[in-house]
Amino acid sequence: MVQRLAERGISLEEMVSTALSMYVPDPSMGTEEEVSERVRQELLRALEDPNVAALLLAALKLEEAGGRGAIPRVPADRYRSDPVELVADELLGLQIAQYIGGSRALFEFYRWDREKPGLIASLPPFLDDALGGLLAGVMVKVCS
């Protein structure tokens, strides 16, 4: 999955950096380097999970479909603006977050969805929420 995301210009290091941009430092968690390494390891573990990978692959396919205008009643030009009536992207992100980090990750996902930090801001509709869910879930696990 790391390779598939890298093919889309999304590196592991960018994901770690984005995750850490939302981290509120807690001395009990260790140094910044220790937290960064835990984030990296938890992210790799999540990306190797077949269920997380399947949901991320679905997001990648849905991006392709949206870009072609293949989602019913959502033309390609409208899709790129992340229309409010399209909520499947948020649903996908929520499920990824909850699968990885449990109920607490749902609240974290909403924070990510509002702020769209780092690389999340530059991604199209399904990928921004799928990666937001991934990073929200990972951060809840790391900080628990």
Protein backbone atom coordinates (compact mmCIF):
# COMPACT_ATOMS: atom_id res chain seq x y z
CA MET A 1 0.00 0.00 0.00
CA VAL A 2 2.94 2.31 0.68
CA GLN A 3 3.98 1.90 -2.97
CA ARG A 4 0.44 2.50 -4.27
CA LEU A 5 0.21 5.75 -2.33
CA ALA A 6 3.72 6.78 -3.41
CA GLU A 7 2.59 6.34 -7.03
CA ARG A 8 0.01 9.05 -6.26
CA GLY A 9 2.68 11.33 -4.78
CA ILE A 10 1.89 10.47 -1.15
CA SER A 11 5.01 9.43 0.73
CA LEU A 12 5.26 7.72 4.09
CA GLU A 13 7.31 10.64 5.40
CA GLU A 14 4.64 13.14 4.31
CA MET A 15 2.00 11.10 6.12
CA VAL A 16 4.13 11.00 9.29
CA SER A 17 4.80 14.74 9.06
CA THR A 18 1.11 15.49 8.55
CA ALA A 19 0.15 13.25 11.48
CA LEU A 20 2.65 15.01 13.73
CA SER A 21 1.32 18.42 12.68
CA MET A 22 -1.90 17.59 14.57
CA TYR A 23 -0.11 16.13 17.59
CA VAL A 24 -0.35 18.09 20.83
CA PRO A 25 2.95 17.36 22.62
CA ASP A 26 2.70 15.32 25.80
CA PRO A 27 5.95 14.80 27.72
CA SER A 28 4.72 11.41 28.96
CA MET A 29 4.73 10.17 25.34
CA GLY A 30 8.48 10.68 24.99
CA THR A 31 10.57 12.86 22.73
CA GLU A 32 9.42 14.14 19.36
CA GLU A 33 11.68 11.56 17.69
CA GLU A 34 10.17 8.72 19.75
CA VAL A 35 6.63 9.79 18.93
CA SER A 36 7.57 10.16 15.26
CA GLU A 37 8.95 6.62 15.19
CA ARG A 38 5.82 5.23 16.88
CA VAL A 39 3.65 7.05 14.32
CA ARG A 40 5.75 5.62 11.48
CA GLN A 41 5.54 2.06 12.85
CA GLU A 42 1.80 2.26 13.55
CA LEU A 43 1.21 3.72 10.10
CA LEU A 44 3.14 0.88 8.46
CA ARG A 45 1.20 -1.65 10.53
CA ALA A 46 -2.12 -0.09 9.49
CA LEU A 47 -1.11 0.02 5.82
CA GLU A 48 -0.33 -3.72 5.94
CA ASP A 49 -3.75 -4.56 7.37
CA PRO A 50 -5.83 -6.09 4.55
CA ASN A 51 -8.98 -4.25 5.62
CA VAL A 52 -7.33 -0.84 5.77
CA ALA A 53 -5.63 -1.54 2.45
CA ALA A 54 -8.95 -2.58 0.88
CA LEU A 55 -10.64 0.63 2.01
CA LEU A 56 -7.73 2.74 0.74
CA LEU A 57 -7.82 0.89 -2.58
CA ALA A 58 -11.54 1.64 -2.76
CA ALA A 59 -10.76 5.33 -2.21
CA LEU A 60 -8.20 5.24 -5.04
CA LYS A 61 -10.72 3.61 -7.40
CA LEU A 62 -13.43 6.08 -6.39
CA GLU A 63 -11.04 8.95 -7.15
CA GLU A 64 -10.60 7.56 -10.65
CA ALA A 65 -14.37 7.18 -11.07
CA GLY A 66 -15.07 10.68 -9.76
CA GLY A 67 -12.44 12.21 -12.03
CA ARG A 68 -14.11 10.55 -15.04
CA GLY A 69 -17.59 11.66 -13.99
CA ALA A 70 -18.60 8.03 -13.41
CA ILE A 71 -20.36 8.67 -10.08
CA PRO A 72 -24.07 9.11 -10.84
CA ARG A 73 -25.29 12.73 -10.72
CA VAL A 74 -21.79 14.03 -9.94
CA PRO A 75 -20.11 15.30 -13.12
CA ALA A 76 -16.29 15.36 -13.09
CA ASP A 77 -16.04 19.14 -12.77
CA ARG A 78 -18.44 19.14 -9.83
CA TYR A 79 -16.66 16.18 -8.23
CA ARG A 80 -13.39 18.09 -8.05
CA SER A 81 -15.06 20.73 -5.85
CA ASP A 82 -16.02 18.06 -3.24
CA PRO A 83 -19.80 18.57 -3.46
CA VAL A 84 -21.73 18.59 -0.17
CA GLU A 85 -24.19 15.96 -1.36
CA LEU A 86 -21.35 13.46 -1.75
CA VAL A 87 -20.88 12.02 1.76
CA ALA A 88 -19.44 8.63 0.81
CA ASP A 89 -15.94 10.10 1.13
CA GLU A 90 -16.56 11.06 4.78
CA LEU A 91 -18.16 7.68 5.44
CA LEU A 92 -15.08 5.94 4.09
CA GLY A 93 -12.77 8.09 6.22
CA LEU A 94 -14.88 7.51 9.32
CA GLN A 95 -14.79 3.75 8.84
CA ILE A 96 -11.02 3.70 8.42
CA ALA A 97 -10.56 5.84 11.54
CA GLN A 98 -12.92 3.73 13.63
CA TYR A 99 -11.48 0.43 12.42
CA ILE A 100 -7.96 1.50 13.43
CA GLY A 101 -8.59 3.58 16.54
CA GLY A 102 -12.07 2.77 17.80
CA SER A 103 -14.76 5.24 18.80
CA ARG A 104 -12.30 7.89 19.97
CA ALA A 105 -10.90 8.05 16.45
CA LEU A 106 -14.29 9.24 15.16
CA PHE A 107 -13.87 12.49 17.09
CA GLU A 108 -10.29 12.78 15.92
CA PHE A 109 -11.44 12.26 12.31
CA TYR A 110 -13.82 15.24 12.58
CA ARG A 111 -10.91 17.41 13.75
CA TRP A 112 -8.84 16.25 10.76
CA ASP A 113 -11.74 16.79 8.36
CA ARG A 114 -12.23 20.38 9.54
CA GLU A 115 -8.56 21.39 9.60
CA LYS A 116 -7.26 19.37 6.61
CA PRO A 117 -3.62 19.65 7.71
CA GLY A 118 -0.49 19.12 5.62
CA LEU A 119 -0.86 16.92 2.58
CA ILE A 120 -4.58 16.32 3.30
CA ALA A 121 -5.44 19.82 2.00
CA SER A 122 -4.01 19.04 -1.43
CA LEU A 123 -5.81 15.73 -1.99
CA PRO A 124 -9.03 15.10 -3.91
CA PRO A 125 -12.31 14.22 -2.10
CA PHE A 126 -12.00 10.49 -1.40
CA LEU A 127 -8.27 10.49 -0.71
CA ASP A 128 -8.35 13.42 1.70
CA ASP A 129 -10.94 11.70 3.87
CA ALA A 130 -9.45 8.21 3.54
CA LEU A 131 -6.01 9.47 4.59
CA GLY A 132 -7.55 11.71 7.23
CA GLY A 133 -9.24 8.62 8.67
CA LEU A 134 -6.02 6.63 8.45
CA LEU A 135 -3.99 9.29 10.25
CA ALA A 136 -6.71 10.00 12.83
CA GLY A 137 -6.93 6.31 13.70
CA VAL A 138 -3.16 5.93 13.86
CA MET A 139 -2.74 8.96 16.12
CA VAL A 140 -5.40 7.68 18.53
CA LYS A 141 -3.57 4.35 18.74
CA VAL A 142 -0.19 6.01 19.22
CA CYS A 143 -1.48 8.33 21.95
CA SER A 144 -3.52 5.71 23.82
